[in-house]
Amino acid sequence: AERISDRIGFIYNGELVEAGPPEQIFEDPNDRRTQQFVDGELMYEVDEEQTSPQMSSVSASE
């Protein structure tokens, strides 16, 4: 991540819960949810009844 950006952020349920240099976020996160994500413990449940956004194509002439 540090090759791509000087700062990164972790968003949980639409809320920015932590931001900072990649080495700080991955090596010593301040938020428990960020730590769970880094450790691979944070999982999201998918609502099977929720529909996906509809994709539409746009022609080059538009």
PDB file of N, CA and C in Angstrom:
ATOM      1  N   ALA A   1       0.821  -1.191   0.000  1.00  0.00           N
ATOM      2  CA  ALA A   1       0.000   0.000   0.000  1.00  0.00           C
ATOM      3  C   ALA A   1       0.869   1.261   0.000  1.00  0.00           C
ATOM      4  N   GLU A   2       2.034   1.199   0.615  1.00  0.00           N
ATOM      5  CA  GLU A   2       2.852   2.406   0.680  1.00  0.00           C
ATOM      6  C   GLU A   2       3.457   2.779  -0.670  1.00  0.00           C
ATOM      7  N   ARG A   3       3.499   1.853  -1.603  1.00  0.00           N
ATOM      8  CA  ARG A   3       3.965   2.190  -2.949  1.00  0.00           C
ATOM      9  C   ARG A   3       2.908   2.971  -3.720  1.00  0.00           C
ATOM     10  N   ILE A   4       1.655   2.801  -3.324  1.00  0.00           N
ATOM     11  CA  ILE A   4       0.543   3.414  -4.043  1.00  0.00           C
ATOM     12  C   ILE A   4       0.127   4.749  -3.434  1.00  0.00           C
ATOM     13  N   SER A   5       0.175   4.857  -2.107  1.00  0.00           N
ATOM     14  CA  SER A   5      -0.365   6.051  -1.449  1.00  0.00           C
ATOM     15  C   SER A   5       0.399   6.382  -0.175  1.00  0.00           C
ATOM     16  N   ASP A   6       0.446   7.671   0.146  1.00  0.00           N
ATOM     17  CA  ASP A   6       1.061   8.118   1.396  1.00  0.00           C
ATOM     18  C   ASP A   6       0.106   7.954   2.569  1.00  0.00           C
ATOM     19  N   ARG A   7      -1.210   7.951   2.274  1.00  0.00           N
ATOM     20  CA  ARG A   7      -2.237   7.809   3.312  1.00  0.00           C
ATOM     21  C   ARG A   7      -3.327   6.878   2.798  1.00  0.00           C
ATOM     22  N   ILE A   8      -3.875   6.086   3.705  1.00  0.00           N
ATOM     23  CA  ILE A   8      -5.007   5.231   3.377  1.00  0.00           C
ATOM     24  C   ILE A   8      -6.067   5.387   4.463  1.00  0.00           C
ATOM     25  N   GLY A   9      -7.256   4.941   4.164  1.00  0.00           N
ATOM     26  CA  GLY A   9      -8.334   5.002   5.143  1.00  0.00           C
ATOM     27  C   GLY A   9      -9.083   3.688   5.178  1.00  0.00           C
ATOM     28  N   PHE A  10      -9.726   3.425   6.296  1.00  0.00           N
ATOM     29  CA  PHE A  10     -10.557   2.239   6.451  1.00  0.00           C
ATOM     30  C   PHE A  10     -11.976   2.703   6.725  1.00  0.00           C
ATOM     31  N   ILE A  11     -12.895   2.270   5.873  1.00  0.00           N
ATOM     32  CA  ILE A  11     -14.303   2.650   5.991  1.00  0.00           C
ATOM     33  C   ILE A  11     -15.091   1.434   6.437  1.00  0.00           C
ATOM     34  N   TYR A  12     -15.922   1.616   7.455  1.00  0.00           N
ATOM     35  CA  TYR A  12     -16.769   0.542   7.970  1.00  0.00           C
ATOM     36  C   TYR A  12     -18.205   1.041   7.995  1.00  0.00           C
ATOM     37  N   ASN A  13     -19.082   0.331   7.322  1.00  0.00           N
ATOM     38  CA  ASN A  13     -20.499   0.717   7.235  1.00  0.00           C
ATOM     39  C   ASN A  13     -20.677   2.172   6.805  1.00  0.00           C
ATOM     40  N   GLY A  14     -19.879   2.594   5.839  1.00  0.00           N
ATOM     41  CA  GLY A  14     -20.006   3.939   5.295  1.00  0.00           C
ATOM     42  C   GLY A  14     -19.366   5.033   6.118  1.00  0.00           C
ATOM     43  N   GLU A  15     -18.686   4.677   7.190  1.00  0.00           N
ATOM     44  CA  GLU A  15     -18.054   5.665   8.070  1.00  0.00           C
ATOM     45  C   GLU A  15     -16.540   5.477   8.047  1.00  0.00           C
ATOM     46  N   LEU A  16     -15.806   6.571   7.847  1.00  0.00           N
ATOM     47  CA  LEU A  16     -14.351   6.515   7.914  1.00  0.00           C
ATOM     48  C   LEU A  16     -13.957   6.348   9.373  1.00  0.00           C
ATOM     49  N   VAL A  17     -13.412   5.197   9.718  1.00  0.00           N
ATOM     50  CA  VAL A  17     -13.078   4.942  11.120  1.00  0.00           C
ATOM     51  C   VAL A  17     -11.598   5.149  11.416  1.00  0.00           C
ATOM     52  N   GLU A  18     -10.768   5.150  10.365  1.00  0.00           N
ATOM     53  CA  GLU A  18      -9.341   5.348  10.599  1.00  0.00           C
ATOM     54  C   GLU A  18      -8.662   5.758   9.302  1.00  0.00           C
ATOM     55  N   ALA A  19      -7.700   6.664   9.406  1.00  0.00           N
ATOM     56  CA  ALA A  19      -6.916   7.092   8.253  1.00  0.00           C
ATOM     57  C   ALA A  19      -5.514   7.425   8.722  1.00  0.00           C
ATOM     58  N   GLY A  20      -4.545   7.199   7.848  1.00  0.00           N
ATOM     59  CA  GLY A  20      -3.173   7.505   8.193  1.00  0.00           C
ATOM     60  C   GLY A  20      -2.212   6.859   7.225  1.00  0.00           C
ATOM     61  N   PRO A  21      -0.927   6.909   7.544  1.00  0.00           N
ATOM     62  CA  PRO A  21       0.075   6.272   6.695  1.00  0.00           C
ATOM     63  C   PRO A  21      -0.144   4.751   6.678  1.00  0.00           C
ATOM     64  N   PRO A  22       0.097   4.090   5.539  1.00  0.00           N
ATOM     65  CA  PRO A  22      -0.136   2.645   5.458  1.00  0.00           C
ATOM     66  C   PRO A  22       0.576   1.841   6.540  1.00  0.00           C
ATOM     67  N   GLU A  23       1.814   2.200   6.847  1.00  0.00           N
ATOM     68  CA  GLU A  23       2.550   1.422   7.851  1.00  0.00           C
ATOM     69  C   GLU A  23       1.877   1.507   9.221  1.00  0.00           C
ATOM     70  N   GLN A  24       1.305   2.654   9.557  1.00  0.00           N
ATOM     71  CA  GLN A  24       0.609   2.788  10.842  1.00  0.00           C
ATOM     72  C   GLN A  24      -0.688   1.991  10.836  1.00  0.00           C
ATOM     73  N   ILE A  25      -1.441   2.074   9.744  1.00  0.00           N
ATOM     74  CA  ILE A  25      -2.719   1.367   9.666  1.00  0.00           C
ATOM     75  C   ILE A  25      -2.508  -0.140   9.740  1.00  0.00           C
ATOM     76  N   PHE A  26      -1.530  -0.674   9.021  1.00  0.00           N
ATOM     77  CA  PHE A  26      -1.325  -2.119   8.985  1.00  0.00           C
ATOM     78  C   PHE A  26      -0.542  -2.662  10.173  1.00  0.00           C
ATOM     79  N   GLU A  27       0.365  -1.872  10.739  1.00  0.00           N
ATOM     80  CA  GLU A  27       1.198  -2.370  11.832  1.00  0.00           C
ATOM     81  C   GLU A  27       0.649  -2.062  13.216  1.00  0.00           C
ATOM     82  N   ASP A  28      -0.067  -0.944  13.368  1.00  0.00           N
ATOM     83  CA  ASP A  28      -0.573  -0.561  14.688  1.00  0.00           C
ATOM     84  C   ASP A  28      -1.878   0.224  14.565  1.00  0.00           C
ATOM     85  N   PRO A  29      -2.939  -0.423  14.057  1.00  0.00           N
ATOM     86  CA  PRO A  29      -4.205   0.300  13.898  1.00  0.00           C
ATOM     87  C   PRO A  29      -4.787   0.721  15.238  1.00  0.00           C
ATOM     88  N   ASN A  30      -5.483   1.859  15.250  1.00  0.00           N
ATOM     89  CA  ASN A  30      -6.082   2.376  16.477  1.00  0.00           C
ATOM     90  C   ASN A  30      -7.482   1.839  16.726  1.00  0.00           C
ATOM     91  N   ASP A  31      -8.197   1.481  15.668  1.00  0.00           N
ATOM     92  CA  ASP A  31      -9.580   1.038  15.794  1.00  0.00           C
ATOM     93  C   ASP A  31      -9.640  -0.490  15.755  1.00  0.00           C
ATOM     94  N   ARG A  32     -10.475  -1.076  16.616  1.00  0.00           N
ATOM     95  CA  ARG A  32     -10.550  -2.543  16.685  1.00  0.00           C
ATOM     96  C   ARG A  32     -11.057  -3.153  15.383  1.00  0.00           C
ATOM     97  N   ARG A  33     -11.944  -2.430  14.672  1.00  0.00           N
ATOM     98  CA  ARG A  33     -12.457  -2.950  13.398  1.00  0.00           C
ATOM     99  C   ARG A  33     -11.363  -2.964  12.340  1.00  0.00           C
ATOM    100  N   THR A  34     -10.498  -1.964  12.354  1.00  0.00           N
ATOM    101  CA  THR A  34      -9.360  -1.955  11.438  1.00  0.00           C
ATOM    102  C   THR A  34      -8.442  -3.121  11.766  1.00  0.00           C
ATOM    103  N   GLN A  35      -8.198  -3.368  13.046  1.00  0.00           N
ATOM    104  CA  GLN A  35      -7.349  -4.486  13.457  1.00  0.00           C
ATOM    105  C   GLN A  35      -7.948  -5.812  13.004  1.00  0.00           C
ATOM    106  N   GLN A  36      -9.259  -5.963  13.143  1.00  0.00           N
ATOM    107  CA  GLN A  36      -9.920  -7.190  12.695  1.00  0.00           C
ATOM    108  C   GLN A  36      -9.766  -7.366  11.186  1.00  0.00           C
ATOM    109  N   PHE A  37      -9.878  -6.282  10.435  1.00  0.00           N
ATOM    110  CA  PHE A  37      -9.699  -6.343   8.987  1.00  0.00           C
ATOM    111  C   PHE A  37      -8.274  -6.766   8.646  1.00  0.00           C
ATOM    112  N   VAL A  38      -7.295  -6.140   9.277  1.00  0.00           N
ATOM    113  CA  VAL A  38      -5.891  -6.455   9.026  1.00  0.00           C
ATOM    114  C   VAL A  38      -5.604  -7.917   9.364  1.00  0.00           C
ATOM    115  N   ASP A  39      -6.207  -8.409  10.433  1.00  0.00           N
ATOM    116  CA  ASP A  39      -6.004  -9.801  10.849  1.00  0.00           C
ATOM    117  C   ASP A  39      -6.813 -10.796  10.025  1.00  0.00           C
ATOM    118  N   GLY A  40      -7.667 -10.298   9.133  1.00  0.00           N
ATOM    119  CA  GLY A  40      -8.491 -11.178   8.314  1.00  0.00           C
ATOM    120  C   GLY A  40      -9.688 -11.736   9.044  1.00  0.00           C
ATOM    121  N   GLU A  41     -10.072 -11.125  10.162  1.00  0.00           N
ATOM    122  CA  GLU A  41     -11.179 -11.626  10.975  1.00  0.00           C
ATOM    123  C   GLU A  41     -12.504 -10.938  10.669  1.00  0.00           C
ATOM    124  N   LEU A  42     -12.466  -9.797  10.016  1.00  0.00           N
ATOM    125  CA  LEU A  42     -13.685  -9.033   9.770  1.00  0.00           C
ATOM    126  C   LEU A  42     -14.354  -9.548   8.509  1.00  0.00           C
ATOM    127  N   MET A  43     -15.581 -10.010   8.657  1.00  0.00           N
ATOM    128  CA  MET A  43     -16.341 -10.539   7.527  1.00  0.00           C
ATOM    129  C   MET A  43     -17.641  -9.767   7.392  1.00  0.00           C
ATOM    130  N   TYR A  44     -18.125  -9.697   6.203  1.00  0.00           N
ATOM    131  CA  TYR A  44     -19.409  -9.052   5.932  1.00  0.00           C
ATOM    132  C   TYR A  44     -20.413 -10.122   5.548  1.00  0.00           C
ATOM    133  N   GLU A  45     -21.626  -9.976   6.052  1.00  0.00           N
ATOM    134  CA  GLU A  45     -22.700 -10.868   5.650  1.00  0.00           C
ATOM    135  C   GLU A  45     -23.395 -10.252   4.452  1.00  0.00           C
ATOM    136  N   VAL A  46     -23.713 -11.091   3.494  1.00  0.00           N
ATOM    137  CA  VAL A  46     -24.388 -10.626   2.293  1.00  0.00           C
ATOM    138  C   VAL A  46     -25.858 -10.986   2.397  1.00  0.00           C
ATOM    139  N   ASP A  47     -26.706  -9.997   2.195  1.00  0.00           N
ATOM    140  CA  ASP A  47     -28.148 -10.209   2.194  1.00  0.00           C
ATOM    141  C   ASP A  47     -28.525 -10.765   0.829  1.00  0.00           C
ATOM    142  N   GLU A  48     -28.932 -12.029   0.795  1.00  0.00           N
ATOM    143  CA  GLU A  48     -29.245 -12.693  -0.465  1.00  0.00           C
ATOM    144  C   GLU A  48     -30.415 -12.042  -1.195  1.00  0.00           C
ATOM    145  N   GLU A  49     -31.302 -11.376  -0.468  1.00  0.00           N
ATOM    146  CA  GLU A  49     -32.458 -10.754  -1.096  1.00  0.00           C
ATOM    147  C   GLU A  49     -32.149  -9.367  -1.649  1.00  0.00           C
ATOM    148  N   GLN A  50     -31.019  -8.823  -1.274  1.00  0.00           N
ATOM    149  CA  GLN A  50     -30.643  -7.498  -1.767  1.00  0.00           C
ATOM    150  C   GLN A  50     -30.267  -7.615  -3.242  1.00  0.00           C
ATOM    151  N   THR A  51     -30.779  -6.727  -4.046  1.00  0.00           N
ATOM    152  CA  THR A  51     -30.476  -6.783  -5.473  1.00  0.00           C
ATOM    153  C   THR A  51     -29.250  -5.957  -5.783  1.00  0.00           C
ATOM    154  N   SER A  52     -28.543  -6.368  -6.806  1.00  0.00           N
ATOM    155  CA  SER A  52     -27.360  -5.641  -7.252  1.00  0.00           C
ATOM    156  C   SER A  52     -27.777  -4.431  -8.070  1.00  0.00           C
ATOM    157  N   PRO A  53     -26.947  -3.405  -8.096  1.00  0.00           N
ATOM    158  CA  PRO A  53     -27.262  -2.255  -8.940  1.00  0.00           C
ATOM    159  C   PRO A  53     -27.308  -2.682 -10.404  1.00  0.00           C
ATOM    160  N   GLN A  54     -28.186  -2.100 -11.143  1.00  0.00           N
ATOM    161  CA  GLN A  54     -28.305  -2.422 -12.560  1.00  0.00           C
ATOM    162  C   GLN A  54     -27.241  -1.666 -13.345  1.00  0.00           C
ATOM    163  N   MET A  55     -26.572  -2.384 -14.210  1.00  0.00           N
ATOM    164  CA  MET A  55     -25.559  -1.776 -15.062  1.00  0.00           C
ATOM    165  C   MET A  55     -26.210  -1.386 -16.379  1.00  0.00           C
ATOM    166  N   SER A  56     -25.788  -0.297 -16.947  1.00  0.00           N
ATOM    167  CA  SER A  56     -26.289   0.084 -18.261  1.00  0.00           C
ATOM    168  C   SER A  56     -25.105   0.426 -19.140  1.00  0.00           C
ATOM    169  N   SER A  57     -25.277   0.201 -20.410  1.00  0.00           N
ATOM    170  CA  SER A  57     -24.189   0.524 -21.326  1.00  0.00           C
ATOM    171  C   SER A  57     -24.490   1.848 -22.010  1.00  0.00           C
ATOM    172  N   VAL A  58     -23.448   2.560 -22.329  1.00  0.00           N
ATOM    173  CA  VAL A  58     -23.575   3.839 -23.021  1.00  0.00           C
ATOM    174  C   VAL A  58     -22.801   3.716 -24.317  1.00  0.00           C
ATOM    175  N   SER A  59     -23.440   4.035 -25.407  1.00  0.00           N
ATOM    176  CA  SER A  59     -22.747   3.937 -26.692  1.00  0.00           C
ATOM    177  C   SER A  59     -21.832   5.137 -26.878  1.00  0.00           C
ATOM    178  N   ALA A  60     -20.858   4.981 -27.741  1.00  0.00           N
ATOM    179  CA  ALA A  60     -19.883   6.042 -27.989  1.00  0.00           C
ATOM    180  C   ALA A  60     -20.525   7.269 -28.622  1.00  0.00           C
ATOM    181  N   SER A  61     -21.684   7.100 -29.238  1.00  0.00           N
ATOM    182  CA  SER A  61     -22.326   8.236 -29.897  1.00  0.00           C
ATOM    183  C   SER A  61     -23.101   9.122 -28.932  1.00  0.00           C
ATOM    184  N   GLU A  62     -23.297   8.681 -27.691  1.00  0.00           N
ATOM    185  CA  GLU A  62     -24.067   9.473 -26.718  1.00  0.00           C
ATOM    186  C   GLU A  62     -23.225  10.521 -26.058  1.00  0.00           C
TER     187      GLU A  62
END
